Amino acid sequence: MNFKSLRFLDKELFTDLPEGSLREADLVAQVETVDSEPEMLLIHVEVQADREPDFEARMFQYYALLWLRYRIPIFPIVVYLRGGAAFSGEAYRVRLLGREVLDFRYEGVGLKALDAEAYAKLESPVAAALAALMNREGKPGVLELRVLMLQAVARSRLDAARKFLLLNLVETYFGLTPDESDAFGRLLAQAEFQEVREMQVTWADRMKEEGRQEGRQEGREQGRQAGVLEGKRETLLRQLTLKFGALPVEVVAQVEALDSMSELDKCLDRILSARSLEDTGLVG
């Protein structure tokens, strides 16, 4: 395949007939081949956490819908984050009246069964980052392996945003114990790992900033909700006073204790038809 010709297609949304619900393909790319037939094909990749019932039928459905839309050969692949063989051929088969009327085949890749060290050593930042999801059991020098993954990302020609995504993948799926974290910090202190160290500092700063922004947004939302609740309580007390005069202390206390938007709205609605405080539901 001539990967210089690789072009990712827009998000693929399909109607799941006859139900009418929408399905979204994870990744569809168009690529040219080199000195072979066909000259152009689609690569369709689905990412699965684990094997799911009826997944084979879903892969066939995507294949059929892609074929109807593009009418060029399609190479389908499923990538399992957990479980599955390293490389396997999978199939969706339909038998009818003692005959096999459909034999749809696609490729399966189980990341957990692949050798993390082998992929971390490839000259590919994506392969190195995905190695965090691969098999590390029985491998000596686990910390060195983690550095190897991060080095591949740091030294790549990817832009800062893509480096951040790959680094985040390693940080998420290649966790360390507190003791390992201390040892990893000492390892990164060596001069040869300066690129990785600088990249991690940038990543940590960005994560902190995102955390602060989320906290501020959450705080603003909580403040807005509190303000709306307080406004509804004041409106309810004012309406009650206008209609029924001075309110008993226990009714005021009960209104001030209400912290549910829906309950306050119900009380405000009941005032319109209430003939007494008892009709509002605020007096037992």
Protein backbone atom coordinates (compact mmCIF):
# COMPACT_ATOMS: atom_id res chain seq x y z
CA MET A 1 0.00 0.00 0.00
CA ASN A 2 1.14 3.53 -0.78
CA PHE A 3 0.52 5.16 2.59
CA LYS A 4 1.51 8.55 1.18
CA SER A 5 -1.86 8.43 -0.56
CA LEU A 6 -3.73 7.66 2.68
CA ARG A 7 -6.81 9.82 3.16
CA PHE A 8 -9.12 9.52 6.14
CA LEU A 9 -12.75 9.87 5.21
CA ASP A 10 -15.25 11.97 7.10
CA LYS A 11 -17.09 10.43 10.02
CA GLU A 12 -19.18 7.60 8.63
CA LEU A 13 -22.79 7.49 9.84
CA PHE A 14 -25.13 4.81 8.61
CA THR A 15 -28.79 4.08 9.16
CA ASP A 16 -29.28 0.67 10.72
CA LEU A 17 -32.12 -0.64 8.56
CA PRO A 18 -34.89 -1.47 9.27
CA GLU A 19 -34.60 -0.13 12.83
CA GLY A 20 -33.54 3.30 11.61
CA SER A 21 -30.95 3.90 14.35
CA LEU A 22 -27.59 5.46 13.46
CA ARG A 23 -24.36 3.50 13.51
CA GLU A 24 -20.91 5.08 13.31
CA ALA A 25 -17.85 3.38 11.88
CA ASP A 26 -14.74 4.01 13.98
CA LEU A 27 -12.27 4.66 11.17
CA VAL A 28 -12.45 4.52 7.38
CA ALA A 29 -9.51 5.45 5.16
CA GLN A 30 -8.86 5.36 1.43
CA VAL A 31 -5.47 4.25 0.15
CA GLU A 32 -3.83 3.36 -3.15
CA THR A 33 -1.94 0.14 -3.73
CA VAL A 34 1.48 -0.26 -5.33
CA ASP A 35 1.78 -2.42 -8.48
CA SER A 36 -1.20 -4.59 -7.63
CA GLU A 37 -4.93 -4.96 -8.03
CA PRO A 38 -7.06 -3.25 -6.93
CA GLU A 39 -5.57 0.19 -7.44
CA MET A 40 -7.70 1.76 -4.71
CA LEU A 41 -9.31 0.35 -1.59
CA LEU A 42 -10.86 1.30 1.73
CA ILE A 43 -9.48 0.25 5.10
CA HIS A 44 -12.20 -0.04 7.74
CA VAL A 45 -11.06 -0.37 11.35
CA GLU A 46 -13.33 -1.01 14.34
CA VAL A 47 -11.94 -0.75 17.88
CA GLN A 48 -13.44 -3.05 20.51
CA ALA A 49 -12.65 -3.34 24.21
CA ASP A 50 -13.63 -7.04 24.20
CA ARG A 51 -15.39 -9.49 21.96
CA GLU A 52 -19.13 -8.87 21.90
CA PRO A 53 -22.05 -11.07 20.88
CA ASP A 54 -23.23 -10.44 17.31
CA PHE A 55 -20.16 -8.29 16.56
CA GLU A 56 -19.47 -10.38 13.45
CA ALA A 57 -22.85 -9.38 12.02
CA ARG A 58 -22.11 -5.71 12.75
CA MET A 59 -18.81 -5.94 10.84
CA PHE A 60 -20.68 -7.36 7.85
CA GLN A 61 -23.27 -4.61 8.09
CA TYR A 62 -20.55 -1.94 7.96
CA TYR A 63 -18.95 -3.71 5.00
CA ALA A 64 -22.21 -3.80 3.07
CA LEU A 65 -23.00 -0.14 3.76
CA LEU A 66 -19.49 1.00 2.81
CA TRP A 67 -19.66 -1.02 -0.39
CA LEU A 68 -23.01 0.48 -1.33
CA ARG A 69 -21.62 3.97 -0.80
CA TYR A 70 -18.15 3.70 -2.41
CA ARG A 71 -18.21 0.60 -4.65
CA ILE A 72 -14.49 -0.12 -4.20
CA PRO A 73 -12.82 -3.06 -2.40
CA ILE A 74 -12.79 -2.90 1.40
CA PHE A 75 -10.27 -4.39 3.84
CA PRO A 76 -12.00 -4.75 7.26
CA ILE A 77 -10.09 -5.03 10.56
CA VAL A 78 -11.14 -5.23 14.19
CA VAL A 79 -8.69 -4.20 16.93
CA TYR A 80 -9.33 -5.64 20.39
CA LEU A 81 -7.92 -3.70 23.33
CA ARG A 82 -8.37 -6.73 25.60
CA GLY A 83 -8.60 -10.38 24.65
CA GLY A 84 -8.38 -11.92 21.23
CA ALA A 85 -5.48 -13.59 19.48
CA ALA A 86 -2.54 -11.53 18.26
CA PHE A 87 -3.59 -11.94 14.62
CA SER A 88 -6.58 -13.97 13.53
CA GLY A 89 -9.02 -14.36 10.72
CA GLU A 90 -12.62 -13.93 11.82
CA ALA A 91 -15.83 -14.54 9.90
CA TYR A 92 -19.56 -13.99 9.78
CA ARG A 93 -21.31 -16.97 8.20
CA VAL A 94 -24.93 -17.56 7.34
CA ARG A 95 -26.33 -21.01 6.54
CA LEU A 96 -29.68 -21.51 4.90
CA LEU A 97 -31.38 -24.76 3.90
CA GLY A 98 -28.21 -26.72 4.53
CA ARG A 99 -26.10 -24.38 2.44
CA GLU A 100 -23.59 -21.70 3.39
CA VAL A 101 -24.98 -18.60 1.64
CA LEU A 102 -22.58 -16.08 3.19
CA ASP A 103 -18.94 -16.32 4.27
CA PHE A 104 -17.71 -12.83 5.18
CA ARG A 105 -14.14 -12.69 6.49
CA TYR A 106 -12.17 -9.94 8.23
CA GLU A 107 -8.94 -9.58 10.17
CA GLY A 108 -8.66 -9.48 13.97
CA VAL A 109 -5.83 -7.94 16.01
CA GLY A 110 -5.62 -8.47 19.78
CA LEU A 111 -3.30 -5.82 21.22
CA LYS A 112 -3.03 -7.60 24.57
CA ALA A 113 -1.45 -10.62 22.87
CA LEU A 114 1.25 -8.62 21.09
CA ASP A 115 4.81 -8.14 22.38
CA ALA A 116 5.04 -4.65 23.90
CA GLU A 117 8.83 -4.50 23.66
CA ALA A 118 8.88 -5.40 19.97
CA TYR A 119 6.42 -2.64 19.07
CA ALA A 120 8.06 -0.07 21.35
CA LYS A 121 11.27 -0.55 19.36
CA LEU A 122 9.63 0.16 16.02
CA GLU A 123 10.31 3.56 14.50
CA SER A 124 6.69 4.56 14.94
CA PRO A 125 5.35 6.80 17.73
CA VAL A 126 1.84 5.32 17.33
CA ALA A 127 3.10 1.73 17.62
CA ALA A 128 5.20 2.70 20.65
CA ALA A 129 2.25 4.34 22.39
CA LEU A 130 -0.08 1.42 21.61
CA ALA A 131 2.54 -0.85 23.18
CA ALA A 132 1.20 0.40 26.52
CA LEU A 133 -1.83 -1.83 25.81
CA MET A 134 0.29 -4.84 24.86
CA ASN A 135 1.77 -7.75 26.80
CA ARG A 136 4.52 -6.73 29.22
CA GLU A 137 4.52 -9.87 31.40
CA GLY A 138 7.90 -11.38 32.07
CA LYS A 139 9.72 -8.43 30.56
CA PRO A 140 12.76 -7.20 32.48
CA GLY A 141 13.36 -3.47 32.65
CA VAL A 142 9.72 -2.36 32.69
CA LEU A 143 10.72 1.24 33.42
CA GLU A 144 13.18 1.23 30.56
CA LEU A 145 10.40 -0.08 28.32
CA ARG A 146 8.19 2.84 29.35
CA VAL A 147 10.98 5.30 28.57
CA LEU A 148 11.40 3.65 25.18
CA MET A 149 7.73 4.27 24.40
CA LEU A 150 7.92 7.90 25.48
CA GLN A 151 11.16 8.49 23.58
CA ALA A 152 9.52 7.36 20.35
CA VAL A 153 6.74 9.91 20.90
CA ALA A 154 9.06 12.74 22.00
CA ARG A 155 11.45 12.31 19.06
CA SER A 156 8.72 12.01 16.44
CA ARG A 157 7.84 14.79 14.01
CA LEU A 158 4.26 14.87 15.23
CA ASP A 159 2.79 18.16 16.31
CA ALA A 160 2.29 18.95 20.00
CA ALA A 161 -1.40 17.99 19.99
CA ARG A 162 -0.76 14.50 18.62
CA LYS A 163 2.18 13.97 20.94
CA PHE A 164 -0.11 14.90 23.82
CA LEU A 165 -2.67 12.27 22.75
CA LEU A 166 -0.05 9.52 22.51
CA LEU A 167 1.60 10.50 25.78
CA ASN A 168 -1.79 10.47 27.47
CA LEU A 169 -2.35 6.94 26.16
CA VAL A 170 0.89 5.74 27.76
CA GLU A 171 0.17 7.54 31.02
CA THR A 172 -3.33 6.05 31.14
CA TYR A 173 -2.56 2.41 30.31
CA PHE A 174 1.00 2.04 31.61
CA GLY A 175 0.45 2.92 35.25
CA LEU A 176 3.17 2.82 37.89
CA THR A 177 3.16 2.06 41.60
CA PRO A 178 4.43 4.83 43.94
CA ASP A 179 7.81 3.07 44.22
CA GLU A 180 8.00 2.65 40.45
CA SER A 181 7.11 6.31 39.97
CA ASP A 182 10.02 7.35 42.19
CA ALA A 183 12.40 5.07 40.31
CA PHE A 184 11.04 6.32 36.98
CA GLY A 185 11.67 9.90 38.04
CA ARG A 186 15.28 9.08 38.87
CA LEU A 187 15.65 7.34 35.50
CA LEU A 188 14.34 10.36 33.61
CA ALA A 189 16.80 12.60 35.45
CA GLN A 190 19.55 11.23 33.22
CA ALA A 191 20.68 13.66 30.52
CA GLU A 192 19.86 11.27 27.65
CA PHE A 193 16.16 11.44 28.51
CA GLN A 194 15.83 15.23 28.50
CA GLU A 195 13.32 15.18 25.60
CA VAL A 196 11.04 12.80 27.48
CA ARG A 197 11.39 14.81 30.68
CA GLU A 198 10.45 18.07 28.97
CA MET A 199 7.50 16.45 27.21
CA GLN A 200 6.20 15.02 30.48
CA VAL A 201 6.48 18.39 32.21
CA THR A 202 4.45 19.97 29.40
CA TRP A 203 1.87 17.18 29.63
CA ALA A 204 1.60 17.54 33.42
CA ASP A 205 1.15 21.32 33.15
CA ARG A 206 -1.56 20.87 30.54
CA MET A 207 -3.39 18.27 32.63
CA LYS A 208 -3.30 20.62 35.63
CA GLU A 209 -4.66 23.48 33.54
CA GLU A 210 -7.46 21.29 32.15
CA GLY A 211 -8.25 20.21 35.70
CA ARG A 212 -8.41 23.84 36.83
CA GLN A 213 -10.67 24.76 33.90
CA GLU A 214 -12.99 21.85 34.64
CA GLY A 215 -13.05 22.86 38.29
CA ARG A 216 -13.88 26.47 37.41
CA GLN A 217 -16.60 25.34 35.00
CA GLU A 218 -18.05 22.99 37.60
CA GLY A 219 -17.89 25.76 40.19
CA ARG A 220 -19.66 28.19 37.85
CA GLU A 221 -22.35 25.62 37.11
CA GLN A 222 -22.85 24.87 40.80
CA GLY A 223 -23.02 28.61 41.54
CA ARG A 224 -25.57 29.10 38.77
CA GLN A 225 -27.70 26.25 40.09
CA ALA A 226 -27.51 27.62 43.63
CA GLY A 227 -28.54 31.07 42.37
CA VAL A 228 -31.54 29.67 40.51
CA LEU A 229 -32.64 27.69 43.57
CA GLU A 230 -32.37 30.74 45.81
CA GLY A 231 -34.34 32.84 43.33
CA LYS A 232 -37.13 30.26 43.20
CA ARG A 233 -37.27 30.12 47.02
CA GLU A 234 -37.56 33.92 47.23
CA THR A 235 -40.27 33.93 44.57
CA LEU A 236 -42.19 31.19 46.37
CA LEU A 237 -42.03 33.04 49.72
CA ARG A 238 -43.10 36.31 48.10
CA GLN A 239 -46.06 34.67 46.32
CA LEU A 240 -47.14 32.89 49.50
CA THR A 241 -46.97 36.13 51.51
CA LEU A 242 -48.93 38.11 48.91
CA LYS A 243 -51.68 35.51 48.84
CA PHE A 244 -51.87 34.37 52.46
CA GLY A 245 -50.26 37.15 54.48
CA ALA A 246 -47.56 36.70 57.13
CA LEU A 247 -46.22 33.14 57.01
CA PRO A 248 -45.68 30.84 59.99
CA VAL A 249 -42.02 30.30 60.90
CA GLU A 250 -42.24 26.60 60.09
CA VAL A 251 -43.48 27.31 56.54
CA VAL A 252 -40.60 29.73 55.90
CA ALA A 253 -38.15 27.15 57.23
CA GLN A 254 -39.65 24.44 55.03
CA VAL A 255 -39.37 26.60 51.89
CA GLU A 256 -35.76 27.54 52.68
CA ALA A 257 -34.94 23.84 53.09
CA LEU A 258 -36.21 22.93 49.60
CA ASP A 259 -33.26 22.15 47.31
CA SER A 260 -35.08 20.52 44.41
CA MET A 261 -35.92 22.54 41.31
CA SER A 262 -38.86 20.28 40.47
CA GLU A 263 -40.33 20.49 43.98
CA LEU A 264 -40.07 24.27 44.05
CA ASP A 265 -41.75 24.45 40.63
CA LYS A 266 -44.58 22.22 41.89
CA CYS A 267 -45.10 24.52 44.88
CA LEU A 268 -45.17 27.59 42.64
CA ASP A 269 -47.72 25.90 40.36
CA ARG A 270 -49.94 24.93 43.30
CA ILE A 271 -50.15 28.55 44.50
CA LEU A 272 -52.26 29.43 41.45
CA SER A 273 -55.13 27.22 42.60
CA ALA A 274 -54.47 27.00 46.35
CA ARG A 275 -57.16 28.43 48.62
CA SER A 276 -55.12 27.95 51.79
CA LEU A 277 -51.56 27.22 52.91
CA GLU A 278 -52.60 23.61 53.37
CA ASP A 279 -53.41 23.39 49.63
CA THR A 280 -49.79 24.26 48.76
CA GLY A 281 -48.53 21.10 50.43
CA LEU A 282 -46.23 23.09 52.71
CA VAL A 283 -48.35 22.59 55.82
CA GLY A 284 -48.81 19.10 57.21
